[in-house]
């Protein structure tokens, strides 16, 4: 049996997360640099200023999508160990699907 062709699902989720997070952050940096360059050049009409200023928000949305895909791709134990809980005195809820 070849284990390299079928990686661990958690490892696959981690690799996918790193790939999508990295691409999203590169797109974010490019969008920031582009919007700052255009806004500092004053080469666009006033109505487009807002559109260019909001442009970096779209890569940030993909960062959140990458995080959600990572969390959904991991198993329950990995989720509990990787997601910080706000207070040590507050008990963690169990899996919501089992509360029905």
Protein backbone atom coordinates (compact mmCIF):
# COMPACT_ATOMS: atom_id res chain seq x y z
CA UNK A 1 0.00 0.00 0.00
CA UNK A 2 1.35 3.39 -1.00
CA UNK A 3 0.65 5.93 1.74
CA UNK A 4 2.09 8.85 -0.22
CA UNK A 5 -0.78 8.80 -2.71
CA UNK A 6 -3.42 9.13 0.04
CA UNK A 7 -2.11 11.52 2.69
CA UNK A 8 -3.62 11.95 6.09
CA UNK A 9 -6.74 14.17 5.82
CA UNK A 10 -5.40 16.52 8.49
CA UNK A 11 -2.09 16.83 6.62
CA UNK A 12 -4.00 17.47 3.39
CA UNK A 13 -6.05 20.18 5.14
CA UNK A 14 -2.85 21.76 6.50
CA UNK A 15 -1.16 21.79 3.09
CA UNK A 16 -4.26 23.19 1.42
CA UNK A 17 -4.53 25.86 4.12
CA UNK A 18 -0.92 26.93 3.70
CA UNK A 19 -1.36 27.11 -0.07
CA UNK A 20 -4.59 29.16 -0.02
CA UNK A 21 -3.47 31.34 2.88
CA UNK A 22 -0.19 32.12 1.13
CA UNK A 23 -1.89 32.99 -2.15
CA UNK A 24 -4.44 35.14 -0.34
CA UNK A 25 -1.73 37.04 1.52
CA UNK A 26 0.24 37.61 -1.68
CA UNK A 27 -2.93 38.94 -3.33
CA UNK A 28 -3.52 41.15 -0.28
CA UNK A 29 -0.04 42.67 -0.46
CA UNK A 30 -0.41 43.28 -4.20
CA UNK A 31 -3.83 44.88 -3.67
CA UNK A 32 -2.48 47.14 -0.89
CA UNK A 33 0.48 48.23 -2.99
CA UNK A 34 -1.72 48.84 -6.04
CA UNK A 35 -4.35 50.80 -4.13
CA UNK A 36 -1.76 52.95 -2.36
CA UNK A 37 0.03 53.63 -5.64
CA UNK A 38 -3.19 54.64 -7.40
CA UNK A 39 -4.52 56.70 -4.50
CA UNK A 40 -1.22 58.54 -4.03
CA UNK A 41 -0.98 59.33 -7.75
CA UNK A 42 -4.40 61.05 -7.75
CA UNK A 43 -4.94 59.73 -11.25
CA UNK A 44 -8.53 58.55 -10.80
CA UNK A 45 -11.79 60.46 -10.52
CA UNK A 46 -13.29 60.99 -7.07
CA UNK A 47 -16.01 58.35 -7.43
CA UNK A 48 -13.42 55.58 -7.92
CA UNK A 49 -11.44 56.48 -4.79
CA UNK A 50 -13.71 54.37 -2.59
CA UNK A 51 -13.60 51.42 -4.97
CA UNK A 52 -9.80 51.43 -5.07
CA UNK A 53 -9.58 51.90 -1.28
CA UNK A 54 -11.88 48.89 -0.68
CA UNK A 55 -9.99 46.67 -3.15
CA UNK A 56 -7.77 44.98 -0.47
CA UNK A 57 -10.85 43.64 1.34
CA UNK A 58 -11.41 40.91 -1.25
CA UNK A 59 -8.17 39.00 -0.54
CA UNK A 60 -8.96 39.21 3.18
CA UNK A 61 -12.22 37.38 2.49
CA UNK A 62 -10.18 34.57 0.93
CA UNK A 63 -8.01 34.43 4.07
CA UNK A 64 -11.12 33.77 6.14
CA UNK A 65 -12.28 31.16 3.63
CA UNK A 66 -8.89 29.42 3.93
CA UNK A 67 -9.17 29.38 7.73
CA UNK A 68 -12.70 27.94 7.63
CA UNK A 69 -11.65 25.29 5.10
CA UNK A 70 -8.74 24.31 7.36
CA UNK A 71 -10.92 24.00 10.44
CA UNK A 72 -13.54 21.98 8.57
CA UNK A 73 -10.87 19.71 7.10
CA UNK A 74 -9.35 18.70 10.42
CA UNK A 75 -10.67 16.16 12.87
CA UNK A 76 -12.33 17.08 16.16
CA UNK A 77 -9.24 16.59 18.33
CA UNK A 78 -7.15 18.77 16.04
CA UNK A 79 -9.87 21.46 16.10
CA UNK A 80 -9.93 21.53 19.88
CA UNK A 81 -6.16 21.81 20.12
CA UNK A 82 -5.73 24.41 17.34
CA UNK A 83 -8.61 26.79 18.11
CA UNK A 84 -7.95 28.84 21.25
CA UNK A 85 -10.74 29.06 23.78
CA UNK A 86 -11.33 32.55 25.23
CA UNK A 87 -11.03 31.69 28.92
CA UNK A 88 -9.54 28.71 30.74
CA UNK A 89 -12.35 28.76 33.30
CA UNK A 90 -15.12 28.41 30.71
CA UNK A 91 -15.78 24.81 29.66
CA UNK A 92 -15.66 24.01 25.95
CA UNK A 93 -18.94 22.91 24.39
CA UNK A 94 -18.98 19.45 22.91
CA UNK A 95 -19.67 18.75 19.27
CA UNK A 96 -22.90 20.63 18.32
CA UNK A 97 -24.14 17.80 16.12
CA UNK A 98 -24.26 15.46 19.12
CA UNK A 99 -26.36 17.85 21.20
CA UNK A 100 -29.52 17.02 19.26
